[in-house]
């Protein structure tokens, strides 16, 4: 198995309103990012973008900010 590390980002104040509006989002919360190495030794960071989660779970636009922090956190993680 190649090296991999799962990063978990949770915040009840942000996640609870999302689960009230769309209980199915609980399958994707807390937010996660996976740092993994491919066969060539290149490291990748994979995560579900907020827009994808919005479409997948029917999240209202005004609550998108509750899960948008993952993009900034992911950028910081790869610095």
PDB file of N, CA and C in Angstrom:
ATOM      1  N   UNK A   1       0.845  -1.182   0.000  1.00  0.00           N
ATOM      2  CA  UNK A   1       0.000   0.000   0.000  1.00  0.00           C
ATOM      3  C   UNK A   1       0.890   1.245   0.000  1.00  0.00           C
ATOM      4  N   UNK A   2       0.558   2.174  -0.851  1.00  0.00           N
ATOM      5  CA  UNK A   2       1.313   3.424  -0.941  1.00  0.00           C
ATOM      6  C   UNK A   2       0.961   4.346   0.231  1.00  0.00           C
ATOM      7  N   UNK A   3       1.861   5.295   0.548  1.00  0.00           N
ATOM      8  CA  UNK A   3       1.587   6.227   1.644  1.00  0.00           C
ATOM      9  C   UNK A   3       0.321   7.040   1.386  1.00  0.00           C
ATOM     10  N   UNK A   4      -0.452   7.218   2.437  1.00  0.00           N
ATOM     11  CA  UNK A   4      -1.672   8.029   2.365  1.00  0.00           C
ATOM     12  C   UNK A   4      -1.989   8.533   3.763  1.00  0.00           C
ATOM     13  N   UNK A   5      -2.585   9.714   3.828  1.00  0.00           N
ATOM     14  CA  UNK A   5      -2.995  10.261   5.112  1.00  0.00           C
ATOM     15  C   UNK A   5      -4.334  10.965   4.931  1.00  0.00           C
ATOM     16  N   UNK A   6      -5.274  10.633   5.807  1.00  0.00           N
ATOM     17  CA  UNK A   6      -6.593  11.246   5.774  1.00  0.00           C
ATOM     18  C   UNK A   6      -6.625  12.414   6.749  1.00  0.00           C
ATOM     19  N   UNK A   7      -6.998  13.587   6.256  1.00  0.00           N
ATOM     20  CA  UNK A   7      -7.125  14.784   7.080  1.00  0.00           C
ATOM     21  C   UNK A   7      -8.610  15.036   7.299  1.00  0.00           C
ATOM     22  N   UNK A   8      -9.014  15.266   8.539  1.00  0.00           N
ATOM     23  CA  UNK A   8     -10.420  15.443   8.876  1.00  0.00           C
ATOM     24  C   UNK A   8     -10.627  16.839   9.453  1.00  0.00           C
ATOM     25  N   UNK A   9     -11.626  17.546   8.907  1.00  0.00           N
ATOM     26  CA  UNK A   9     -11.948  18.903   9.327  1.00  0.00           C
ATOM     27  C   UNK A   9     -13.393  18.931   9.807  1.00  0.00           C
ATOM     28  N   UNK A  10     -13.626  19.177  11.086  1.00  0.00           N
ATOM     29  CA  UNK A  10     -14.985  19.214  11.592  1.00  0.00           C
ATOM     30  C   UNK A  10     -15.267  20.458  12.396  1.00  0.00           C
ATOM     31  N   UNK A  11     -16.502  20.924  12.308  1.00  0.00           N
ATOM     32  CA  UNK A  11     -16.941  22.079  13.074  1.00  0.00           C
ATOM     33  C   UNK A  11     -18.450  21.950  13.274  1.00  0.00           C
ATOM     34  N   UNK A  12     -18.909  21.592  14.466  1.00  0.00           N
ATOM     35  CA  UNK A  12     -20.342  21.419  14.705  1.00  0.00           C
ATOM     36  C   UNK A  12     -21.172  22.662  14.392  1.00  0.00           C
ATOM     37  N   UNK A  13     -20.625  23.860  14.629  1.00  0.00           N
ATOM     38  CA  UNK A  13     -21.373  25.088  14.331  1.00  0.00           C
ATOM     39  C   UNK A  13     -21.640  25.234  12.840  1.00  0.00           C
ATOM     40  N   UNK A  14     -20.733  24.738  12.023  1.00  0.00           N
ATOM     41  CA  UNK A  14     -20.902  24.818  10.568  1.00  0.00           C
ATOM     42  C   UNK A  14     -21.699  23.639  10.032  1.00  0.00           C
ATOM     43  N   UNK A  15     -21.454  22.447  10.570  1.00  0.00           N
ATOM     44  CA  UNK A  15     -22.085  21.242  10.037  1.00  0.00           C
ATOM     45  C   UNK A  15     -23.530  21.035  10.442  1.00  0.00           C
ATOM     46  N   UNK A  16     -23.893  21.422  11.659  1.00  0.00           N
ATOM     47  CA  UNK A  16     -25.257  21.186  12.141  1.00  0.00           C
ATOM     48  C   UNK A  16     -26.322  21.849  11.265  1.00  0.00           C
ATOM     49  N   UNK A  17     -26.170  23.136  10.898  1.00  0.00           N
ATOM     50  CA  UNK A  17     -27.190  23.741  10.028  1.00  0.00           C
ATOM     51  C   UNK A  17     -27.313  23.016   8.684  1.00  0.00           C
ATOM     52  N   UNK A  18     -26.209  22.502   8.178  1.00  0.00           N
ATOM     53  CA  UNK A  18     -26.244  21.765   6.911  1.00  0.00           C
ATOM     54  C   UNK A  18     -27.040  20.467   7.066  1.00  0.00           C
ATOM     55  N   UNK A  19     -26.820  19.767   8.174  1.00  0.00           N
ATOM     56  CA  UNK A  19     -27.525  18.502   8.397  1.00  0.00           C
ATOM     57  C   UNK A  19     -29.005  18.712   8.691  1.00  0.00           C
ATOM     58  N   UNK A  20     -29.356  19.869   9.253  1.00  0.00           N
ATOM     59  CA  UNK A  20     -30.771  20.180   9.481  1.00  0.00           C
ATOM     60  C   UNK A  20     -31.482  20.367   8.145  1.00  0.00           C
ATOM     61  N   UNK A  21     -30.847  21.103   7.242  1.00  0.00           N
ATOM     62  CA  UNK A  21     -31.435  21.378   5.929  1.00  0.00           C
ATOM     63  C   UNK A  21     -31.415  20.144   5.034  1.00  0.00           C
ATOM     64  N   UNK A  22     -30.310  19.404   5.080  1.00  0.00           N
ATOM     65  CA  UNK A  22     -30.148  18.238   4.206  1.00  0.00           C
ATOM     66  C   UNK A  22     -29.452  17.113   4.981  1.00  0.00           C
ATOM     67  N   UNK A  23     -30.217  16.255   5.653  1.00  0.00           N
ATOM     68  CA  UNK A  23     -29.617  15.201   6.468  1.00  0.00           C
ATOM     69  C   UNK A  23     -28.635  14.297   5.723  1.00  0.00           C
ATOM     70  N   UNK A  24     -28.785  14.150   4.419  1.00  0.00           N
ATOM     71  CA  UNK A  24     -27.890  13.261   3.664  1.00  0.00           C
ATOM     72  C   UNK A  24     -26.437  13.734   3.666  1.00  0.00           C
ATOM     73  N   UNK A  25     -26.201  15.019   3.933  1.00  0.00           N
ATOM     74  CA  UNK A  25     -24.816  15.508   3.939  1.00  0.00           C
ATOM     75  C   UNK A  25     -24.009  14.901   5.081  1.00  0.00           C
ATOM     76  N   UNK A  26     -24.676  14.322   6.044  1.00  0.00           N
ATOM     77  CA  UNK A  26     -23.958  13.697   7.164  1.00  0.00           C
ATOM     78  C   UNK A  26     -22.992  12.618   6.680  1.00  0.00           C
ATOM     79  N   UNK A  27     -23.264  12.029   5.519  1.00  0.00           N
ATOM     80  CA  UNK A  27     -22.354  11.015   4.964  1.00  0.00           C
ATOM     81  C   UNK A  27     -21.018  11.643   4.574  1.00  0.00           C
ATOM     82  N   UNK A  28     -21.002  12.928   4.280  1.00  0.00           N
ATOM     83  CA  UNK A  28     -19.781  13.622   3.856  1.00  0.00           C
ATOM     84  C   UNK A  28     -19.186  14.524   4.941  1.00  0.00           C
ATOM     85  N   UNK A  29     -19.791  14.529   6.109  1.00  0.00           N
ATOM     86  CA  UNK A  29     -19.266  15.328   7.213  1.00  0.00           C
ATOM     87  C   UNK A  29     -18.742  14.411   8.310  1.00  0.00           C
ATOM     88  N   UNK A  30     -17.681  14.763   8.992  1.00  0.00           N
ATOM     89  CA  UNK A  30     -16.895  15.968   8.777  1.00  0.00           C
ATOM     90  C   UNK A  30     -16.199  15.939   7.416  1.00  0.00           C
ATOM     91  N   UNK A  31     -15.827  17.121   6.959  1.00  0.00           N
ATOM     92  CA  UNK A  31     -15.112  17.228   5.693  1.00  0.00           C
ATOM     93  C   UNK A  31     -13.781  16.492   5.791  1.00  0.00           C
ATOM     94  N   UNK A  32     -13.367  15.928   4.670  1.00  0.00           N
ATOM     95  CA  UNK A  32     -12.127  15.149   4.643  1.00  0.00           C
ATOM     96  C   UNK A  32     -11.309  15.495   3.405  1.00  0.00           C
ATOM     97  N   UNK A  33      -9.997  15.351   3.544  1.00  0.00           N
ATOM     98  CA  UNK A  33      -9.085  15.456   2.409  1.00  0.00           C
ATOM     99  C   UNK A  33      -8.114  14.285   2.519  1.00  0.00           C
ATOM    100  N   UNK A  34      -7.752  13.719   1.396  1.00  0.00           N
ATOM    101  CA  UNK A  34      -6.834  12.584   1.373  1.00  0.00           C
ATOM    102  C   UNK A  34      -5.544  12.980   0.670  1.00  0.00           C
ATOM    103  N   UNK A  35      -4.437  12.918   1.394  1.00  0.00           N
ATOM    104  CA  UNK A  35      -3.114  13.108   0.797  1.00  0.00           C
ATOM    105  C   UNK A  35      -2.586  11.717   0.472  1.00  0.00           C
ATOM    106  N   UNK A  36      -2.234  11.491  -0.798  1.00  0.00           N
ATOM    107  CA  UNK A  36      -1.812  10.153  -1.210  1.00  0.00           C
ATOM    108  C   UNK A  36      -0.739  10.230  -2.278  1.00  0.00           C
ATOM    109  N   UNK A  37       0.052   9.165  -2.355  1.00  0.00           N
ATOM    110  CA  UNK A  37       1.153   9.091  -3.305  1.00  0.00           C
ATOM    111  C   UNK A  37       0.804   8.105  -4.408  1.00  0.00           C
ATOM    112  N   UNK A  38       1.031   8.527  -5.656  1.00  0.00           N
ATOM    113  CA  UNK A  38       0.750   7.616  -6.770  1.00  0.00           C
ATOM    114  C   UNK A  38       1.959   6.721  -7.068  1.00  0.00           C
ATOM    115  N   UNK A  39       1.844   5.885  -8.079  1.00  0.00           N
ATOM    116  CA  UNK A  39       2.888   4.939  -8.429  1.00  0.00           C
ATOM    117  C   UNK A  39       4.198   5.568  -8.867  1.00  0.00           C
ATOM    118  N   UNK A  40       4.152   6.836  -9.283  1.00  0.00           N
ATOM    119  CA  UNK A  40       5.362   7.543  -9.695  1.00  0.00           C
ATOM    120  C   UNK A  40       5.977   8.355  -8.563  1.00  0.00           C
ATOM    121  N   UNK A  41       5.408   8.260  -7.374  1.00  0.00           N
ATOM    122  CA  UNK A  41       5.920   8.991  -6.232  1.00  0.00           C
ATOM    123  C   UNK A  41       5.394  10.415  -6.113  1.00  0.00           C
ATOM    124  N   UNK A  42       4.442  10.788  -6.971  1.00  0.00           N
ATOM    125  CA  UNK A  42       3.856  12.124  -6.908  1.00  0.00           C
ATOM    126  C   UNK A  42       2.774  12.130  -5.828  1.00  0.00           C
ATOM    127  N   UNK A  43       2.733  13.209  -5.037  1.00  0.00           N
ATOM    128  CA  UNK A  43       1.754  13.328  -3.955  1.00  0.00           C
ATOM    129  C   UNK A  43       0.579  14.174  -4.427  1.00  0.00           C
ATOM    130  N   UNK A  44      -0.630  13.703  -4.106  1.00  0.00           N
ATOM    131  CA  UNK A  44      -1.870  14.355  -4.498  1.00  0.00           C
ATOM    132  C   UNK A  44      -2.688  14.667  -3.252  1.00  0.00           C
ATOM    133  N   UNK A  45      -3.562  15.660  -3.356  1.00  0.00           N
ATOM    134  CA  UNK A  45      -4.511  15.969  -2.301  1.00  0.00           C
ATOM    135  C   UNK A  45      -5.898  15.955  -2.932  1.00  0.00           C
ATOM    136  N   UNK A  46      -6.739  15.052  -2.475  1.00  0.00           N
ATOM    137  CA  UNK A  46      -8.083  14.904  -3.038  1.00  0.00           C
ATOM    138  C   UNK A  46      -9.132  15.239  -1.981  1.00  0.00           C
ATOM    139  N   UNK A  47     -10.176  15.939  -2.416  1.00  0.00           N
ATOM    140  CA  UNK A  47     -11.302  16.235  -1.524  1.00  0.00           C
ATOM    141  C   UNK A  47     -12.505  16.602  -2.374  1.00  0.00           C
ATOM    142  N   UNK A  48     -13.683  16.525  -1.761  1.00  0.00           N
ATOM    143  CA  UNK A  48     -14.907  16.919  -2.454  1.00  0.00           C
ATOM    144  C   UNK A  48     -15.067  18.431  -2.363  1.00  0.00           C
ATOM    145  N   UNK A  49     -15.158  19.068  -3.514  1.00  0.00           N
ATOM    146  CA  UNK A  49     -15.315  20.522  -3.550  1.00  0.00           C
ATOM    147  C   UNK A  49     -16.697  20.913  -3.014  1.00  0.00           C
ATOM    148  N   UNK A  50     -16.786  22.086  -2.382  1.00  0.00           N
ATOM    149  CA  UNK A  50     -18.068  22.535  -1.843  1.00  0.00           C
ATOM    150  C   UNK A  50     -19.194  22.566  -2.885  1.00  0.00           C
ATOM    151  N   UNK A  51     -18.883  22.962  -4.121  1.00  0.00           N
ATOM    152  CA  UNK A  51     -19.902  23.013  -5.171  1.00  0.00           C
ATOM    153  C   UNK A  51     -20.467  21.612  -5.457  1.00  0.00           C
ATOM    154  N   UNK A  52     -19.596  20.600  -5.427  1.00  0.00           N
ATOM    155  CA  UNK A  52     -20.046  19.224  -5.623  1.00  0.00           C
ATOM    156  C   UNK A  52     -20.983  18.808  -4.487  1.00  0.00           C
ATOM    157  N   UNK A  53     -20.598  19.113  -3.254  1.00  0.00           N
ATOM    158  CA  UNK A  53     -21.438  18.755  -2.112  1.00  0.00           C
ATOM    159  C   UNK A  53     -22.762  19.514  -2.147  1.00  0.00           C
ATOM    160  N   UNK A  54     -22.728  20.758  -2.614  1.00  0.00           N
ATOM    161  CA  UNK A  54     -23.952  21.553  -2.759  1.00  0.00           C
ATOM    162  C   UNK A  54     -24.920  20.855  -3.710  1.00  0.00           C
ATOM    163  N   UNK A  55     -24.417  20.437  -4.856  1.00  0.00           N
ATOM    164  CA  UNK A  55     -25.258  19.750  -5.841  1.00  0.00           C
ATOM    165  C   UNK A  55     -25.694  18.372  -5.335  1.00  0.00           C
ATOM    166  N   UNK A  56     -24.788  17.635  -4.749  1.00  0.00           N
ATOM    167  CA  UNK A  56     -25.073  16.278  -4.296  1.00  0.00           C
ATOM    168  C   UNK A  56     -26.177  16.238  -3.243  1.00  0.00           C
ATOM    169  N   UNK A  57     -26.170  17.237  -2.343  1.00  0.00           N
ATOM    170  CA  UNK A  57     -27.094  17.200  -1.214  1.00  0.00           C
ATOM    171  C   UNK A  57     -28.144  18.311  -1.234  1.00  0.00           C
ATOM    172  N   UNK A  58     -28.150  19.120  -2.275  1.00  0.00           N
ATOM    173  CA  UNK A  58     -29.143  20.191  -2.373  1.00  0.00           C
ATOM    174  C   UNK A  58     -28.974  21.260  -1.306  1.00  0.00           C
ATOM    175  N   UNK A  59     -27.733  21.600  -1.023  1.00  0.00           N
ATOM    176  CA  UNK A  59     -27.445  22.603  -0.005  1.00  0.00           C
ATOM    177  C   UNK A  59     -27.808  23.991  -0.544  1.00  0.00           C
ATOM    178  N   UNK A  60     -28.539  24.791   0.232  1.00  0.00           N
ATOM    179  CA  UNK A  60     -28.838  26.153  -0.210  1.00  0.00           C
ATOM    180  C   UNK A  60     -27.560  26.988  -0.344  1.00  0.00           C
ATOM    181  N   UNK A  61     -27.566  27.889  -1.298  1.00  0.00           N
ATOM    182  CA  UNK A  61     -26.390  28.717  -1.577  1.00  0.00           C
ATOM    183  C   UNK A  61     -25.896  29.458  -0.336  1.00  0.00           C
ATOM    184  N   UNK A  62     -26.827  29.939   0.498  1.00  0.00           N
ATOM    185  CA  UNK A  62     -26.419  30.721   1.673  1.00  0.00           C
ATOM    186  C   UNK A  62     -25.668  29.894   2.720  1.00  0.00           C
ATOM    187  N   UNK A  63     -25.764  28.570   2.662  1.00  0.00           N
ATOM    188  CA  UNK A  63     -25.031  27.714   3.599  1.00  0.00           C
ATOM    189  C   UNK A  63     -23.730  27.163   3.012  1.00  0.00           C
ATOM    190  N   UNK A  64     -23.463  27.468   1.758  1.00  0.00           N
ATOM    191  CA  UNK A  64     -22.243  26.977   1.113  1.00  0.00           C
ATOM    192  C   UNK A  64     -20.990  27.460   1.849  1.00  0.00           C
ATOM    193  N   UNK A  65     -21.070  28.628   2.451  1.00  0.00           N
ATOM    194  CA  UNK A  65     -19.930  29.174   3.200  1.00  0.00           C
ATOM    195  C   UNK A  65     -19.534  28.253   4.354  1.00  0.00           C
ATOM    196  N   UNK A  66     -20.469  27.466   4.856  1.00  0.00           N
ATOM    197  CA  UNK A  66     -20.182  26.566   5.981  1.00  0.00           C
ATOM    198  C   UNK A  66     -19.194  25.461   5.620  1.00  0.00           C
ATOM    199  N   UNK A  67     -19.091  25.131   4.344  1.00  0.00           N
ATOM    200  CA  UNK A  67     -18.164  24.073   3.919  1.00  0.00           C
ATOM    201  C   UNK A  67     -17.064  24.580   2.982  1.00  0.00           C
ATOM    202  N   UNK A  68     -17.069  25.861   2.706  1.00  0.00           N
ATOM    203  CA  UNK A  68     -16.084  26.420   1.771  1.00  0.00           C
ATOM    204  C   UNK A  68     -14.687  26.518   2.351  1.00  0.00           C
ATOM    205  N   UNK A  69     -14.553  26.439   3.657  1.00  0.00           N
ATOM    206  CA  UNK A  69     -13.233  26.552   4.290  1.00  0.00           C
ATOM    207  C   UNK A  69     -12.288  25.441   3.864  1.00  0.00           C
ATOM    208  N   UNK A  70     -12.822  24.318   3.392  1.00  0.00           N
ATOM    209  CA  UNK A  70     -11.943  23.196   3.027  1.00  0.00           C
ATOM    210  C   UNK A  70     -10.973  23.580   1.915  1.00  0.00           C
ATOM    211  N   UNK A  71     -11.389  24.456   1.031  1.00  0.00           N
ATOM    212  CA  UNK A  71     -10.486  24.834  -0.061  1.00  0.00           C
ATOM    213  C   UNK A  71      -9.270  25.583   0.475  1.00  0.00           C
ATOM    214  N   UNK A  72      -9.471  26.519   1.381  1.00  0.00           N
ATOM    215  CA  UNK A  72      -8.351  27.258   1.966  1.00  0.00           C
ATOM    216  C   UNK A  72      -7.485  26.333   2.818  1.00  0.00           C
ATOM    217  N   UNK A  73      -8.118  25.424   3.560  1.00  0.00           N
ATOM    218  CA  UNK A  73      -7.366  24.472   4.382  1.00  0.00           C
ATOM    219  C   UNK A  73      -6.533  23.539   3.508  1.00  0.00           C
ATOM    220  N   UNK A  74      -7.091  23.109   2.399  1.00  0.00           N
ATOM    221  CA  UNK A  74      -6.357  22.223   1.490  1.00  0.00           C
ATOM    222  C   UNK A  74      -5.162  22.952   0.880  1.00  0.00           C
ATOM    223  N   UNK A  75      -5.352  24.200   0.492  1.00  0.00           N
ATOM    224  CA  UNK A  75      -4.243  24.991  -0.061  1.00  0.00           C
ATOM    225  C   UNK A  75      -3.133  25.144   0.982  1.00  0.00           C
ATOM    226  N   UNK A  76      -3.498  25.412   2.214  1.00  0.00           N
ATOM    227  CA  UNK A  76      -2.527  25.569   3.298  1.00  0.00           C
ATOM    228  C   UNK A  76      -1.781  24.257   3.539  1.00  0.00           C
ATOM    229  N   UNK A  77      -2.485  23.143   3.429  1.00  0.00           N
ATOM    230  CA  UNK A  77      -1.879  21.830   3.699  1.00  0.00           C
ATOM    231  C   UNK A  77      -0.801  21.480   2.684  1.00  0.00           C
ATOM    232  N   UNK A  78      -0.897  21.995   1.472  1.00  0.00           N
ATOM    233  CA  UNK A  78       0.076  21.627   0.451  1.00  0.00           C
ATOM    234  C   UNK A  78       1.226  22.636   0.325  1.00  0.00           C
ATOM    235  N   UNK A  79       1.223  23.668   1.143  1.00  0.00           N
ATOM    236  CA  UNK A  79       2.331  24.647   1.106  1.00  0.00           C
ATOM    237  C   UNK A  79       3.626  24.030   1.585  1.00  0.00           C
TER     238      UNK A  79
END
